[in-house]
């Protein structure tokens, strides 16, 4: 069995909405490897996710990363807190990617992202709202 995939709470929705955009080429390539190469594969639903309160697998090559934190740590903490509350998850929790998607489906509607993702620079693209809408279809 492979090691769990480390994700911050807000990165569950980021992974759902990912469509090839990122902070840098290295960040985007890493995100694509995780989301397209792992989570969206035939076996992706069984991927075990370990929820973390610090930098995770997606953050690894981010140009904004500062050790286990981020140059925008206050905003990241706000996003993680809002997503953790909405999805009923906290650092230390483990769940499969399927269970994470089920949590989104059960607890989040597309327009909820206006609140839980407030301040996210990617929100205006509508990718995450569209992904949440697809989960509800």
Protein backbone atom coordinates (compact mmCIF):
# COMPACT_ATOMS: atom_id res chain seq x y z
CA UNK A 1 0.00 0.00 0.00
CA UNK A 2 1.37 3.42 -0.92
CA UNK A 3 1.81 6.28 1.54
CA UNK A 4 -1.22 8.57 1.97
CA UNK A 5 -1.41 11.70 -0.14
CA UNK A 6 -0.95 14.72 2.12
CA UNK A 7 -3.55 17.46 1.45
CA UNK A 8 -4.56 20.67 3.21
CA UNK A 9 -8.35 20.97 3.67
CA UNK A 10 -8.79 23.58 0.92
CA UNK A 11 -6.81 21.53 -1.58
CA UNK A 12 -9.65 18.99 -1.81
CA UNK A 13 -11.72 21.55 -3.71
CA UNK A 14 -8.66 22.80 -5.59
CA UNK A 15 -8.04 19.25 -6.82
CA UNK A 16 -11.67 18.93 -7.90
CA UNK A 17 -11.52 22.17 -9.88
CA UNK A 18 -8.03 21.86 -11.33
CA UNK A 19 -7.93 22.53 -15.08
CA UNK A 20 -4.26 23.17 -15.79
CA UNK A 21 -3.71 26.53 -14.11
CA UNK A 22 -1.11 27.19 -11.40
CA UNK A 23 1.32 29.60 -9.80
CA UNK A 24 4.29 28.42 -11.88
CA UNK A 25 5.20 25.75 -14.44
CA UNK A 26 6.63 23.48 -11.71
CA UNK A 27 3.55 23.96 -9.52
CA UNK A 28 1.20 23.21 -12.41
CA UNK A 29 3.17 20.10 -13.44
CA UNK A 30 3.08 18.80 -9.85
CA UNK A 31 -0.65 19.54 -9.53
CA UNK A 32 -1.29 17.77 -12.82
CA UNK A 33 0.69 14.72 -11.68
CA UNK A 34 -1.34 14.54 -8.46
CA UNK A 35 -4.79 15.36 -9.84
CA UNK A 36 -4.70 13.89 -13.35
CA UNK A 37 -2.05 11.24 -12.77
CA UNK A 38 -3.37 9.97 -9.44
CA UNK A 39 -6.78 11.20 -8.27
CA UNK A 40 -8.58 11.15 -11.62
CA UNK A 41 -7.33 7.70 -12.62
CA UNK A 42 -9.41 4.53 -12.51
CA UNK A 43 -7.97 3.69 -9.06
CA UNK A 44 -7.97 7.30 -7.86
CA UNK A 45 -11.08 7.02 -5.70
CA UNK A 46 -9.20 4.62 -3.42
CA UNK A 47 -6.26 7.00 -2.88
CA UNK A 48 -5.86 7.58 0.85
CA UNK A 49 -5.60 11.24 1.83
CA UNK A 50 -4.02 12.45 5.07
CA UNK A 51 -5.33 15.89 6.01
CA UNK A 52 -2.53 18.20 7.14
CA UNK A 53 -2.36 21.66 8.66
CA UNK A 54 0.85 22.61 6.86
CA UNK A 55 2.40 22.43 3.43
CA UNK A 56 1.22 19.35 1.55
CA UNK A 57 1.98 17.42 -1.65
CA UNK A 58 0.41 20.17 -3.78
CA UNK A 59 2.40 22.92 -2.03
CA UNK A 60 5.75 21.18 -2.59
CA UNK A 61 6.97 23.22 -5.62
CA UNK A 62 4.86 26.34 -5.01
CA UNK A 63 6.86 29.58 -5.37
CA UNK A 64 4.82 31.05 -2.49
CA UNK A 65 5.83 28.25 -0.08
CA UNK A 66 7.88 29.22 2.95
CA UNK A 67 8.99 26.03 4.73
CA UNK A 68 5.82 24.35 6.00
CA UNK A 69 3.93 27.60 5.46
CA UNK A 70 3.12 30.15 2.79
CA UNK A 71 3.87 33.80 2.15
CA UNK A 72 0.06 34.21 2.30
CA UNK A 73 -0.32 32.12 5.47
CA UNK A 74 -3.17 34.17 6.95
CA UNK A 75 -5.27 33.67 3.81
CA UNK A 76 -4.34 29.98 3.62
CA UNK A 77 -5.31 29.46 7.27
CA UNK A 78 -8.66 31.14 6.58
CA UNK A 79 -9.28 28.91 3.55
CA UNK A 80 -8.27 25.75 5.43
CA UNK A 81 -10.47 26.63 8.41
CA UNK A 82 -13.52 27.32 6.20
CA UNK A 83 -13.00 24.17 4.12
CA UNK A 84 -12.34 22.03 7.18
CA UNK A 85 -15.58 23.24 8.77
CA UNK A 86 -17.59 22.76 5.57
CA UNK A 87 -16.22 19.26 4.93
CA UNK A 88 -16.02 18.19 8.59
CA UNK A 89 -12.32 17.39 8.35
CA UNK A 90 -9.28 18.37 10.41
CA UNK A 91 -5.52 17.80 10.33
CA UNK A 92 -4.79 14.17 11.14
CA UNK A 93 -7.94 12.81 9.48
CA UNK A 94 -7.61 10.14 6.82
CA UNK A 95 -10.12 9.43 4.11
CA UNK A 96 -10.16 8.18 0.55
CA UNK A 97 -10.49 10.51 -2.42
CA UNK A 98 -13.97 9.03 -2.98
CA UNK A 99 -14.93 9.87 0.62
CA UNK A 100 -13.55 13.38 0.16
CA UNK A 101 -15.69 13.84 -2.96
CA UNK A 102 -18.69 12.46 -1.06
CA UNK A 103 -18.08 15.06 1.68
CA UNK A 104 -18.09 17.79 -0.94
CA UNK A 105 -21.28 16.40 -2.50
CA UNK A 106 -23.02 16.15 0.90
CA UNK A 107 -21.89 19.49 2.34
CA UNK A 108 -21.06 21.99 -0.41
CA UNK A 109 -23.15 23.57 -3.16
CA UNK A 110 -21.47 25.58 -5.94
CA UNK A 111 -22.50 28.96 -4.53
CA UNK A 112 -21.10 28.02 -1.09
CA UNK A 113 -17.68 28.58 -2.62
CA UNK A 114 -18.32 32.33 -2.59
CA UNK A 115 -18.05 32.07 1.20
CA UNK A 116 -15.63 29.21 1.87
CA UNK A 117 -13.26 30.25 -0.92
CA UNK A 118 -13.50 34.01 -0.31
CA UNK A 119 -10.16 35.60 -1.15
CA UNK A 120 -8.96 32.79 -3.42
CA UNK A 121 -7.45 34.17 -6.61
CA UNK A 122 -8.79 31.22 -8.62
CA UNK A 123 -12.46 31.56 -7.53
CA UNK A 124 -13.34 34.02 -10.29
CA UNK A 125 -12.40 31.45 -12.97
CA UNK A 126 -15.42 29.36 -11.94
CA UNK A 127 -13.57 26.06 -12.28
CA UNK A 128 -14.25 24.85 -8.75
CA UNK A 129 -17.92 25.87 -8.88
CA UNK A 130 -18.28 23.92 -12.13
CA UNK A 131 -16.57 20.89 -10.57
CA UNK A 132 -18.87 20.98 -7.53
CA UNK A 133 -21.89 21.32 -9.85
CA UNK A 134 -20.71 18.21 -11.75
CA UNK A 135 -20.57 16.27 -8.47
CA UNK A 136 -24.22 17.13 -7.90
CA UNK A 137 -25.32 16.09 -11.42
